[in-house]
């Protein structure tokens, strides 16, 4: 059985056309310091998904984007809108 990180990582790897990912999951609340840990967590989750460009969670105070292969914080104006 996959743990949460393995499940999300496998999901992101299989959705090869996905470039923007936003998640609302209580599991992310378990991290002691969401801001400090969020870039490391996103890097781990997206390790097999180099096509992913943006990542957000309601539990992270910042949006994140990939620049030159590295995850960095960005603000809401840089994050693509998911509204239809």
N, C-alpha and C. Protein backbone atom coordinates (compact mmCIF):
# COMPACT_ATOMS: atom_id res chain seq x y z
N UNK A 1 0.84 -1.18 0.00
CA UNK A 1 0.00 0.00 0.00
C UNK A 1 0.89 1.25 0.00
N UNK A 2 0.54 2.21 -0.82
CA UNK A 2 1.31 3.44 -0.93
C UNK A 2 0.99 4.39 0.22
N UNK A 3 2.00 5.11 0.72
CA UNK A 3 1.70 6.16 1.68
C UNK A 3 1.26 7.40 0.90
N UNK A 4 0.89 8.43 1.62
CA UNK A 4 0.35 9.63 0.97
C UNK A 4 1.31 10.24 -0.04
N UNK A 5 2.58 10.42 0.35
CA UNK A 5 3.56 11.03 -0.55
C UNK A 5 3.77 10.20 -1.81
N UNK A 6 3.84 8.88 -1.66
CA UNK A 6 4.02 8.00 -2.82
C UNK A 6 2.79 8.05 -3.73
N UNK A 7 1.61 8.09 -3.13
CA UNK A 7 0.37 8.15 -3.92
C UNK A 7 0.32 9.43 -4.75
N UNK A 8 0.53 10.59 -4.11
CA UNK A 8 0.49 11.86 -4.84
C UNK A 8 1.61 11.92 -5.88
N UNK A 9 2.81 11.45 -5.54
CA UNK A 9 3.91 11.43 -6.50
C UNK A 9 3.60 10.58 -7.71
N UNK A 10 3.00 9.42 -7.51
CA UNK A 10 2.62 8.55 -8.62
C UNK A 10 1.51 9.18 -9.46
N UNK A 11 0.57 9.82 -8.80
CA UNK A 11 -0.51 10.51 -9.51
C UNK A 11 0.06 11.61 -10.41
N UNK A 12 0.93 12.45 -9.85
CA UNK A 12 1.52 13.54 -10.62
C UNK A 12 2.36 13.01 -11.79
N UNK A 13 3.07 11.93 -11.59
CA UNK A 13 3.90 11.35 -12.65
C UNK A 13 3.05 10.80 -13.78
N UNK A 14 1.87 10.28 -13.46
CA UNK A 14 1.02 9.68 -14.50
C UNK A 14 0.22 10.71 -15.29
N UNK A 15 0.02 11.88 -14.73
CA UNK A 15 -0.74 12.93 -15.42
C UNK A 15 0.24 13.84 -16.17
N UNK A 16 0.78 13.34 -17.27
CA UNK A 16 1.89 14.01 -17.95
C UNK A 16 1.53 15.36 -18.56
N UNK A 17 0.27 15.63 -18.83
CA UNK A 17 -0.09 16.93 -19.38
C UNK A 17 -0.42 17.96 -18.29
N UNK A 18 -0.43 17.51 -17.05
CA UNK A 18 -0.74 18.40 -15.92
C UNK A 18 0.41 19.36 -15.66
N UNK A 19 0.10 20.65 -15.60
CA UNK A 19 1.12 21.65 -15.31
C UNK A 19 0.83 22.42 -14.03
N UNK A 20 -0.43 22.43 -13.61
CA UNK A 20 -0.84 23.16 -12.41
C UNK A 20 -1.54 22.18 -11.48
N UNK A 21 -1.10 22.14 -10.22
CA UNK A 21 -1.70 21.22 -9.26
C UNK A 21 -1.99 21.98 -7.98
N UNK A 22 -3.22 21.87 -7.52
CA UNK A 22 -3.62 22.49 -6.26
C UNK A 22 -4.32 21.42 -5.42
N UNK A 23 -3.94 21.31 -4.17
CA UNK A 23 -4.48 20.26 -3.32
C UNK A 23 -4.98 20.84 -2.01
N UNK A 24 -6.07 20.28 -1.52
CA UNK A 24 -6.63 20.64 -0.23
C UNK A 24 -6.70 19.35 0.57
N UNK A 25 -5.72 19.11 1.41
CA UNK A 25 -5.64 17.83 2.11
C UNK A 25 -5.12 18.05 3.52
N UNK A 26 -5.82 17.49 4.50
CA UNK A 26 -5.44 17.67 5.89
C UNK A 26 -4.10 17.04 6.24
N UNK A 27 -3.64 16.07 5.45
CA UNK A 27 -2.36 15.43 5.72
C UNK A 27 -1.24 16.47 5.72
N UNK A 28 -1.38 17.50 4.91
CA UNK A 28 -0.35 18.54 4.83
C UNK A 28 -0.28 19.37 6.10
N UNK A 29 -1.29 19.32 6.94
CA UNK A 29 -1.29 20.04 8.22
C UNK A 29 -0.31 19.43 9.21
N UNK A 30 0.08 18.19 8.99
CA UNK A 30 0.93 17.48 9.93
C UNK A 30 2.37 17.98 9.94
N UNK A 31 2.74 18.79 8.98
CA UNK A 31 4.11 19.29 8.93
C UNK A 31 4.29 20.40 9.95
N UNK A 32 5.39 20.35 10.70
CA UNK A 32 5.63 21.30 11.79
C UNK A 32 5.69 22.74 11.30
N UNK A 33 6.36 22.95 10.19
CA UNK A 33 6.53 24.29 9.66
C UNK A 33 6.16 24.28 8.18
N UNK A 34 4.89 24.47 7.86
CA UNK A 34 4.46 24.35 6.46
C UNK A 34 5.25 25.22 5.48
N UNK A 35 5.62 26.42 5.87
CA UNK A 35 6.37 27.27 4.94
C UNK A 35 7.76 26.71 4.69
N UNK A 36 8.47 26.35 5.73
CA UNK A 36 9.82 25.83 5.57
C UNK A 36 9.83 24.46 4.91
N UNK A 37 8.86 23.63 5.23
CA UNK A 37 8.81 22.27 4.70
C UNK A 37 8.15 22.18 3.33
N UNK A 38 7.38 23.18 2.93
CA UNK A 38 6.57 23.05 1.72
C UNK A 38 7.41 22.87 0.46
N UNK A 39 8.49 23.60 0.29
CA UNK A 39 9.31 23.43 -0.92
C UNK A 39 9.96 22.05 -0.96
N UNK A 40 10.41 21.56 0.19
CA UNK A 40 11.00 20.22 0.23
C UNK A 40 9.94 19.16 -0.05
N UNK A 41 8.74 19.33 0.50
CA UNK A 41 7.66 18.39 0.24
C UNK A 41 7.26 18.40 -1.23
N UNK A 42 7.11 19.58 -1.81
CA UNK A 42 6.73 19.68 -3.22
C UNK A 42 7.81 19.06 -4.10
N UNK A 43 9.07 19.31 -3.80
CA UNK A 43 10.16 18.72 -4.58
C UNK A 43 10.08 17.20 -4.51
N UNK A 44 9.80 16.66 -3.34
CA UNK A 44 9.70 15.21 -3.18
C UNK A 44 8.49 14.66 -3.94
N UNK A 45 7.34 15.32 -3.80
CA UNK A 45 6.12 14.85 -4.47
C UNK A 45 6.23 14.92 -5.99
N UNK A 46 6.92 15.93 -6.48
CA UNK A 46 6.96 16.16 -7.93
C UNK A 46 8.24 15.63 -8.58
N UNK A 47 9.01 14.87 -7.84
CA UNK A 47 10.29 14.34 -8.35
C UNK A 47 10.13 13.62 -9.69
N UNK A 48 9.06 12.86 -9.85
CA UNK A 48 8.83 12.10 -11.07
C UNK A 48 7.91 12.84 -12.05
N UNK A 49 7.65 14.12 -11.79
CA UNK A 49 6.73 14.90 -12.63
C UNK A 49 7.41 16.20 -13.08
N UNK A 50 8.43 16.11 -13.94
CA UNK A 50 9.14 17.32 -14.36
C UNK A 50 8.27 18.27 -15.19
N UNK A 51 7.14 17.79 -15.67
CA UNK A 51 6.22 18.61 -16.45
C UNK A 51 5.41 19.58 -15.58
N UNK A 52 5.35 19.32 -14.27
CA UNK A 52 4.58 20.16 -13.36
C UNK A 52 5.27 21.51 -13.18
N UNK A 53 4.51 22.60 -13.34
CA UNK A 53 5.09 23.94 -13.25
C UNK A 53 4.63 24.74 -12.03
N UNK A 54 3.42 24.44 -11.52
CA UNK A 54 2.87 25.19 -10.39
C UNK A 54 2.26 24.23 -9.39
N UNK A 55 2.37 24.58 -8.09
CA UNK A 55 1.84 23.74 -7.02
C UNK A 55 1.30 24.65 -5.93
N UNK A 56 0.13 24.32 -5.43
CA UNK A 56 -0.45 25.11 -4.34
C UNK A 56 -1.24 24.21 -3.41
N UNK A 57 -1.39 24.66 -2.19
CA UNK A 57 -2.21 23.98 -1.19
C UNK A 57 -2.79 25.04 -0.27
N UNK A 58 -3.98 24.78 0.21
CA UNK A 58 -4.58 25.70 1.18
C UNK A 58 -3.77 25.73 2.47
N UNK A 59 -2.94 24.73 2.70
CA UNK A 59 -2.17 24.64 3.93
C UNK A 59 -0.79 25.28 3.82
N UNK A 60 -0.41 25.72 2.64
CA UNK A 60 0.84 26.46 2.46
C UNK A 60 0.48 27.93 2.30
N UNK A 61 1.16 28.82 2.97
CA UNK A 61 0.81 30.24 2.88
C UNK A 61 1.22 30.88 1.55
N UNK A 62 2.03 30.20 0.77
CA UNK A 62 2.52 30.75 -0.50
C UNK A 62 2.20 29.78 -1.64
N UNK A 63 2.12 30.33 -2.84
CA UNK A 63 2.05 29.51 -4.03
C UNK A 63 3.49 29.16 -4.44
N UNK A 64 3.65 28.10 -5.22
CA UNK A 64 4.98 27.69 -5.64
C UNK A 64 5.01 27.47 -7.15
N UNK A 65 6.16 27.78 -7.75
CA UNK A 65 6.35 27.52 -9.17
C UNK A 65 7.76 26.97 -9.37
N UNK A 66 7.92 26.24 -10.48
CA UNK A 66 9.22 25.66 -10.78
C UNK A 66 9.95 26.60 -11.73
N UNK A 67 11.15 26.97 -11.35
CA UNK A 67 12.00 27.85 -12.16
C UNK A 67 13.35 27.18 -12.30
N UNK A 68 13.72 26.86 -13.53
CA UNK A 68 15.01 26.21 -13.76
C UNK A 68 15.15 24.89 -13.02
N UNK A 69 14.05 24.15 -12.86
CA UNK A 69 14.08 22.87 -12.19
C UNK A 69 13.96 22.93 -10.68
N UNK A 70 13.96 24.12 -10.10
CA UNK A 70 13.86 24.30 -8.65
C UNK A 70 12.52 24.93 -8.29
N UNK A 71 11.96 24.55 -7.15
CA UNK A 71 10.72 25.14 -6.67
C UNK A 71 11.01 26.41 -5.88
N UNK A 72 10.26 27.46 -6.19
CA UNK A 72 10.37 28.74 -5.49
C UNK A 72 8.97 29.23 -5.15
N UNK A 73 8.89 30.12 -4.18
CA UNK A 73 7.61 30.71 -3.83
C UNK A 73 7.23 31.78 -4.85
N UNK A 74 5.94 31.92 -5.09
CA UNK A 74 5.44 32.99 -5.95
C UNK A 74 4.14 33.51 -5.33
N UNK A 75 3.62 34.59 -5.85
CA UNK A 75 2.37 35.10 -5.30
C UNK A 75 1.20 34.71 -6.19
N UNK A 76 0.01 35.08 -5.78
CA UNK A 76 -1.20 34.67 -6.48
C UNK A 76 -1.30 35.24 -7.89
N UNK A 77 -0.63 36.35 -8.16
CA UNK A 77 -0.69 36.92 -9.52
C UNK A 77 0.12 36.09 -10.52
N UNK A 78 1.11 35.35 -10.03
CA UNK A 78 1.91 34.49 -10.90
C UNK A 78 1.29 33.10 -11.08
N UNK A 79 0.41 32.73 -10.18
CA UNK A 79 -0.19 31.40 -10.21
C UNK A 79 -1.38 31.40 -11.17
N UNK A 80 -1.41 30.47 -12.12
CA UNK A 80 -2.54 30.44 -13.08
C UNK A 80 -3.87 30.20 -12.37
N UNK A 81 -4.89 30.87 -12.82
CA UNK A 81 -6.22 30.69 -12.26
C UNK A 81 -6.79 29.35 -12.71
N UNK A 82 -7.40 28.64 -11.76
CA UNK A 82 -8.02 27.36 -12.07
C UNK A 82 -9.53 27.53 -12.30
N UNK A 83 -10.01 28.76 -12.22
CA UNK A 83 -11.43 29.00 -12.43
C UNK A 83 -11.81 28.82 -13.89
N UNK A 84 -12.93 28.18 -14.10
CA UNK A 84 -13.42 27.96 -15.48
C UNK A 84 -14.38 29.04 -15.88
